[in-house]
């Protein structure tokens, strides 16, 4: 832009602000659970900004554009597929049991009709799996869902908090592993999260994340004892931690893709039915 000098007619060229040469960091959601430890080795050293978020918070961050990639809860993957796309075939999937997605009940699950069910605020996908199993497998309809801090007939914990309470909770003698219940019902694994990246992310950033994930998962599974040495906060032996970490599938195969499609069909059916049939009061859905 040219302006006239204050003391004469000579043109003056206004200097443009210099562009920053500092590269923009890729913001990656980091789920702070034991079953996600294998993903993040080496990322910080490569300049990745790791943002620690429980699943429900990671879902919110993805919706609001506050992360560029991460292991997005599966139900949020369905919701945001216009803005996010799969990053490789990386996932968090259970095979036989989840071990850390646990419903604690005062009475058998088949008797939860008209019950009050508490739900941790950390969940996005697990609560939808719980509702699917109660509706379609066990044929029960709880009266309402409430925050886990309220009195309830049953309550759902996930992640490390579920592991800390894996030995049981007083007055709740019946424990149900939702990954195991899904497997018994469908014969399939269950995919709780899938790595996704923003569709407008640069191809170079996505390729770098793909490489880092591949290297990290290999290191994490081969060196699960190292993870065990760092995670002594769960009152688990080294052998228990190693077995737990290696019990997950971290890459999708044909069975995991079939499980995703099956779960999505069930959710879509429930959504269509809800438009036609008035539902009972549900809070904290």
Protein backbone atom coordinates (compact mmCIF):
# COMPACT_ATOMS: atom_id res chain seq x y z
CA UNK A 1 0.00 0.00 0.00
CA UNK A 2 1.37 3.49 -0.94
CA UNK A 3 0.78 6.70 1.10
CA UNK A 4 2.05 10.29 0.69
CA UNK A 5 4.82 11.28 3.10
CA UNK A 6 3.82 13.92 5.68
CA UNK A 7 6.53 16.42 4.57
CA UNK A 8 6.56 15.96 0.84
CA UNK A 9 5.18 14.24 -2.17
CA UNK A 10 7.43 11.20 -2.20
CA UNK A 11 5.46 7.97 -1.98
CA UNK A 12 6.01 5.81 1.08
CA UNK A 13 5.65 2.03 0.93
CA UNK A 14 3.97 0.67 4.05
CA UNK A 15 5.76 -2.44 5.32
CA UNK A 16 3.72 -5.62 5.49
CA UNK A 17 3.90 -7.72 8.64
CA UNK A 18 6.26 -10.64 8.24
CA UNK A 19 4.67 -14.09 8.05
CA UNK A 20 5.43 -16.44 10.89
CA UNK A 21 7.78 -19.24 9.93
CA UNK A 22 6.84 -21.29 12.99
CA UNK A 23 4.98 -24.43 11.83
CA UNK A 24 1.54 -25.00 13.25
CA UNK A 25 1.54 -27.98 15.59
CA UNK A 26 -0.81 -30.87 14.96
CA UNK A 27 -3.16 -31.19 17.94
CA UNK A 28 -3.79 -34.82 18.85
CA UNK A 29 -6.31 -35.98 21.43
CA UNK A 30 -4.70 -38.27 24.00
CA UNK A 31 -7.03 -40.55 25.96
CA UNK A 32 -5.32 -40.99 29.35
CA UNK A 33 -6.37 -44.62 29.81
CA UNK A 34 -4.16 -47.67 30.03
CA UNK A 35 -5.70 -49.12 26.86
CA UNK A 36 -4.44 -46.11 24.87
CA UNK A 37 -0.85 -45.97 26.12
CA UNK A 38 0.51 -47.76 23.04
CA UNK A 39 -0.35 -44.89 20.68
CA UNK A 40 1.67 -41.90 21.81
CA UNK A 41 5.31 -42.96 22.09
CA UNK A 42 7.54 -40.47 20.31
CA UNK A 43 4.82 -38.04 19.30
CA UNK A 44 5.81 -35.19 21.61
CA UNK A 45 9.43 -35.44 20.44
CA UNK A 46 8.16 -34.99 16.87
CA UNK A 47 6.41 -31.75 17.75
CA UNK A 48 2.91 -33.16 18.12
CA UNK A 49 0.78 -31.30 20.66
CA UNK A 50 -0.87 -33.94 22.84
CA UNK A 51 -4.14 -32.85 24.49
CA UNK A 52 -5.24 -35.14 27.34
CA UNK A 53 -8.98 -35.78 27.06
CA UNK A 54 -11.32 -38.50 28.31
CA UNK A 55 -13.57 -39.93 25.56
CA UNK A 56 -16.53 -37.58 26.08
CA UNK A 57 -14.20 -34.56 26.17
CA UNK A 58 -12.42 -35.76 23.03
CA UNK A 59 -15.80 -35.99 21.30
CA UNK A 60 -16.55 -32.39 22.28
CA UNK A 61 -13.10 -31.19 21.17
CA UNK A 62 -13.56 -32.85 17.77
CA UNK A 63 -16.97 -31.23 17.32
CA UNK A 64 -15.57 -27.81 18.25
CA UNK A 65 -12.44 -28.07 16.09
CA UNK A 66 -10.02 -28.10 19.03
CA UNK A 67 -8.17 -31.24 17.90
CA UNK A 68 -6.88 -32.29 14.50
CA UNK A 69 -6.74 -36.04 15.12
CA UNK A 70 -7.08 -38.71 17.76
CA UNK A 71 -8.82 -41.95 18.77
CA UNK A 72 -12.32 -40.56 18.38
CA UNK A 73 -15.16 -42.44 20.12
CA UNK A 74 -16.99 -44.53 17.55
CA UNK A 75 -20.38 -42.83 17.87
CA UNK A 76 -18.67 -39.48 17.29
CA UNK A 77 -16.97 -40.87 14.19
CA UNK A 78 -20.45 -41.50 12.76
CA UNK A 79 -21.57 -38.00 13.71
CA UNK A 80 -18.57 -36.12 12.30
CA UNK A 81 -17.74 -38.11 9.17
CA UNK A 82 -18.32 -34.98 7.06
CA UNK A 83 -15.41 -33.29 8.87
CA UNK A 84 -13.17 -36.19 9.88
CA UNK A 85 -11.91 -39.23 8.01
CA UNK A 86 -10.23 -42.45 9.16
CA UNK A 87 -6.53 -42.21 9.89
CA UNK A 88 -5.19 -45.53 8.70
CA UNK A 89 -6.80 -48.55 10.33
CA UNK A 90 -5.94 -47.68 13.94
CA UNK A 91 -8.56 -48.31 16.59
CA UNK A 92 -9.31 -49.45 20.14
CA UNK A 93 -11.17 -52.74 19.92
CA UNK A 94 -11.89 -55.51 22.39
CA UNK A 95 -11.86 -59.13 21.31
CA UNK A 96 -13.25 -61.33 24.09
CA UNK A 97 -13.63 -58.91 27.00
CA UNK A 98 -13.20 -55.20 27.56
CA UNK A 99 -12.17 -55.53 31.25
CA UNK A 100 -12.59 -51.77 31.68
CA UNK A 101 -16.16 -51.15 30.50
CA UNK A 102 -18.11 -52.48 33.47
CA UNK A 103 -21.73 -52.24 34.58
CA UNK A 104 -22.11 -52.71 38.34
CA UNK A 105 -25.61 -53.85 39.38
CA UNK A 106 -27.53 -54.37 42.59
CA UNK A 107 -29.59 -57.02 40.83
CA UNK A 108 -29.11 -59.14 37.70
CA UNK A 109 -29.07 -57.21 34.45
CA UNK A 110 -32.20 -59.00 33.23
CA UNK A 111 -34.08 -57.29 36.08
CA UNK A 112 -33.13 -53.70 35.28
CA UNK A 113 -36.53 -52.87 33.82
CA UNK A 114 -37.65 -49.52 35.32
CA UNK A 115 -34.27 -49.16 37.05
CA UNK A 116 -32.22 -46.02 37.59
CA UNK A 117 -28.84 -46.39 35.89
CA UNK A 118 -25.85 -44.19 36.67
CA UNK A 119 -23.45 -43.32 33.86
CA UNK A 120 -19.94 -41.89 34.10
CA UNK A 121 -19.52 -38.54 32.45
CA UNK A 122 -16.42 -39.80 30.64
CA UNK A 123 -18.25 -41.99 28.13
CA UNK A 124 -19.43 -41.35 24.58
CA UNK A 125 -19.65 -44.80 23.01
CA UNK A 126 -19.92 -47.10 26.03
CA UNK A 127 -23.22 -45.62 27.18
CA UNK A 128 -24.66 -46.19 23.70
CA UNK A 129 -23.42 -49.79 23.81
CA UNK A 130 -25.05 -50.20 27.22
CA UNK A 131 -28.41 -48.91 25.95
CA UNK A 132 -28.16 -51.14 22.89
CA UNK A 133 -27.51 -54.24 24.98
CA UNK A 134 -30.27 -53.45 27.47
CA UNK A 135 -32.79 -52.85 24.69
CA UNK A 136 -31.94 -55.55 22.21
CA UNK A 137 -30.23 -58.31 24.14
CA UNK A 138 -31.75 -58.16 27.61
CA UNK A 139 -35.11 -56.60 26.63
CA UNK A 140 -35.23 -54.18 29.57
CA UNK A 141 -35.99 -50.47 29.68
CA UNK A 142 -34.51 -48.46 32.58
CA UNK A 143 -36.66 -45.66 33.91
CA UNK A 144 -33.87 -43.10 33.52
CA UNK A 145 -30.14 -42.55 33.28
CA UNK A 146 -28.44 -40.25 35.79
CA UNK A 147 -24.90 -39.07 36.58
CA UNK A 148 -22.86 -41.76 38.28
CA UNK A 149 -22.69 -39.71 41.48
CA UNK A 150 -26.45 -40.15 42.08
CA UNK A 151 -28.15 -43.11 43.77
CA UNK A 152 -28.83 -45.86 41.27
CA UNK A 153 -29.69 -49.51 40.82
CA UNK A 154 -26.71 -49.96 38.50
CA UNK A 155 -23.88 -47.79 37.23
CA UNK A 156 -21.39 -47.77 34.36
CA UNK A 157 -17.66 -47.09 34.74
CA UNK A 158 -15.09 -47.06 31.95
CA UNK A 159 -11.34 -46.84 31.50
CA UNK A 160 -8.95 -46.65 34.42
CA UNK A 161 -11.73 -46.00 36.94
CA UNK A 162 -13.33 -49.31 35.96
CA UNK A 163 -9.97 -51.04 36.37
CA UNK A 164 -9.56 -49.56 39.84
CA UNK A 165 -12.94 -51.02 40.81
CA UNK A 166 -12.54 -54.33 38.98
CA UNK A 167 -12.65 -56.23 42.29
CA UNK A 168 -16.22 -55.10 42.89
CA UNK A 169 -18.17 -52.41 44.72
CA UNK A 170 -20.12 -52.97 47.97
CA UNK A 171 -23.88 -53.43 47.46
CA UNK A 172 -23.38 -54.04 43.72
CA UNK A 173 -22.64 -57.77 43.52
CA UNK A 174 -23.40 -58.24 39.82
CA UNK A 175 -20.72 -57.14 37.33
CA UNK A 176 -21.08 -57.16 33.55
CA UNK A 177 -18.28 -56.59 31.06
CA UNK A 178 -19.97 -54.87 28.12
CA UNK A 179 -17.37 -56.03 25.62
CA UNK A 180 -17.95 -59.60 26.73
CA UNK A 181 -21.74 -59.22 26.58
CA UNK A 182 -21.52 -57.84 23.04
CA UNK A 183 -19.27 -60.73 22.02
CA UNK A 184 -21.65 -63.32 23.51
CA UNK A 185 -24.57 -61.74 21.66
CA UNK A 186 -23.01 -61.05 18.25
CA UNK A 187 -19.88 -63.18 18.12
CA UNK A 188 -17.96 -60.02 17.14
CA UNK A 189 -15.31 -57.80 18.70
CA UNK A 190 -16.35 -54.28 19.68
CA UNK A 191 -14.71 -51.10 18.42
CA UNK A 192 -14.85 -48.33 21.01
CA UNK A 193 -12.79 -45.74 19.13
CA UNK A 194 -11.22 -45.21 15.74
CA UNK A 195 -8.35 -42.91 14.85
CA UNK A 196 -9.62 -40.02 12.75
CA UNK A 197 -8.07 -36.89 11.25
CA UNK A 198 -9.64 -33.68 10.03
CA UNK A 199 -10.48 -33.80 6.34
CA UNK A 200 -8.74 -30.45 5.85
CA UNK A 201 -5.51 -31.60 7.51
CA UNK A 202 -2.47 -31.52 5.24
CA UNK A 203 -1.49 -34.81 3.60
CA UNK A 204 1.99 -34.39 5.10
CA UNK A 205 0.61 -34.12 8.65
CA UNK A 206 -1.61 -37.16 8.17
CA UNK A 207 1.23 -39.21 6.69
CA UNK A 208 3.47 -38.28 9.61
CA UNK A 209 0.82 -39.31 12.14
CA UNK A 210 0.28 -42.58 10.30
CA UNK A 211 4.01 -43.32 10.50
CA UNK A 212 4.24 -42.37 14.17
CA UNK A 213 1.22 -44.51 15.06
CA UNK A 214 2.62 -47.52 13.26
CA UNK A 215 5.94 -47.19 15.05
CA UNK A 216 4.35 -46.49 18.44
CA UNK A 217 1.88 -49.40 18.37
CA UNK A 218 4.66 -51.83 17.46
CA UNK A 219 6.88 -50.47 20.26
CA UNK A 220 4.03 -50.44 22.76
CA UNK A 221 2.95 -54.02 22.19
CA UNK A 222 6.51 -55.34 22.11
CA UNK A 223 7.47 -53.36 25.20
CA UNK A 224 4.26 -53.62 27.23
CA UNK A 225 6.41 -54.30 30.31
CA UNK A 226 7.69 -50.73 30.03
CA UNK A 227 4.11 -49.43 30.08
CA UNK A 228 3.47 -51.61 33.14
CA UNK A 229 6.42 -50.04 34.92
CA UNK A 230 4.96 -46.57 34.42
CA UNK A 231 1.38 -47.40 35.39
CA UNK A 232 1.53 -48.47 39.02
CA UNK A 233 -1.49 -46.34 39.91
CA UNK A 234 -4.01 -49.07 39.06
CA UNK A 235 -3.02 -51.69 41.66
CA UNK A 236 -2.32 -54.15 38.86
CA UNK A 237 0.68 -56.44 38.66
CA UNK A 238 3.08 -56.06 35.75
CA UNK A 239 1.75 -59.31 34.29
CA UNK A 240 -1.85 -58.05 34.57
CA UNK A 241 -0.99 -54.78 32.80
CA UNK A 242 0.84 -56.59 30.00
CA UNK A 243 -2.03 -59.03 29.51
CA UNK A 244 -4.57 -56.18 29.51
CA UNK A 245 -2.69 -54.03 26.99
CA UNK A 246 -2.14 -56.96 24.64
CA UNK A 247 -5.76 -58.09 24.87
CA UNK A 248 -6.88 -55.21 22.60
CA UNK A 249 -6.77 -54.95 18.85
CA UNK A 250 -5.27 -51.64 17.77
CA UNK A 251 -5.77 -52.12 14.04
CA UNK A 252 -9.00 -52.92 12.23
CA UNK A 253 -9.55 -56.23 10.53
CA UNK A 254 -12.56 -57.71 8.78
CA UNK A 255 -14.27 -58.67 12.06
CA UNK A 256 -13.86 -55.16 13.50
CA UNK A 257 -15.29 -53.57 10.34
CA UNK A 258 -18.25 -55.95 10.51
CA UNK A 259 -18.76 -55.01 14.17
CA UNK A 260 -18.76 -51.29 13.30
CA UNK A 261 -21.40 -51.84 10.63
CA UNK A 262 -23.53 -53.98 12.97
CA UNK A 263 -23.43 -51.42 15.77
CA UNK A 264 -24.23 -48.56 13.41
CA UNK A 265 -27.23 -50.44 12.03
CA UNK A 266 -28.54 -50.95 15.56
CA UNK A 267 -28.08 -47.26 16.42
CA UNK A 268 -29.76 -46.16 13.20
CA UNK A 269 -32.69 -48.48 13.93
CA UNK A 270 -33.07 -47.11 17.43
CA UNK A 271 -32.98 -43.53 16.12
CA UNK A 272 -35.70 -44.29 13.60
CA UNK A 273 -37.84 -46.00 16.25
CA UNK A 274 -37.41 -43.08 18.65
CA UNK A 275 -39.00 -40.75 16.08
CA UNK A 276 -42.12 -42.88 16.13
CA UNK A 277 -42.43 -44.08 19.73
CA UNK A 278 -42.37 -41.74 22.75
CA UNK A 279 -39.47 -42.72 25.01
CA UNK A 280 -39.23 -42.79 28.77
CA UNK A 281 -37.46 -39.93 30.53
CA UNK A 282 -33.74 -40.12 29.90
CA UNK A 283 -31.17 -37.79 31.42
CA UNK A 284 -27.41 -37.71 30.83
CA UNK A 285 -27.94 -39.60 27.55
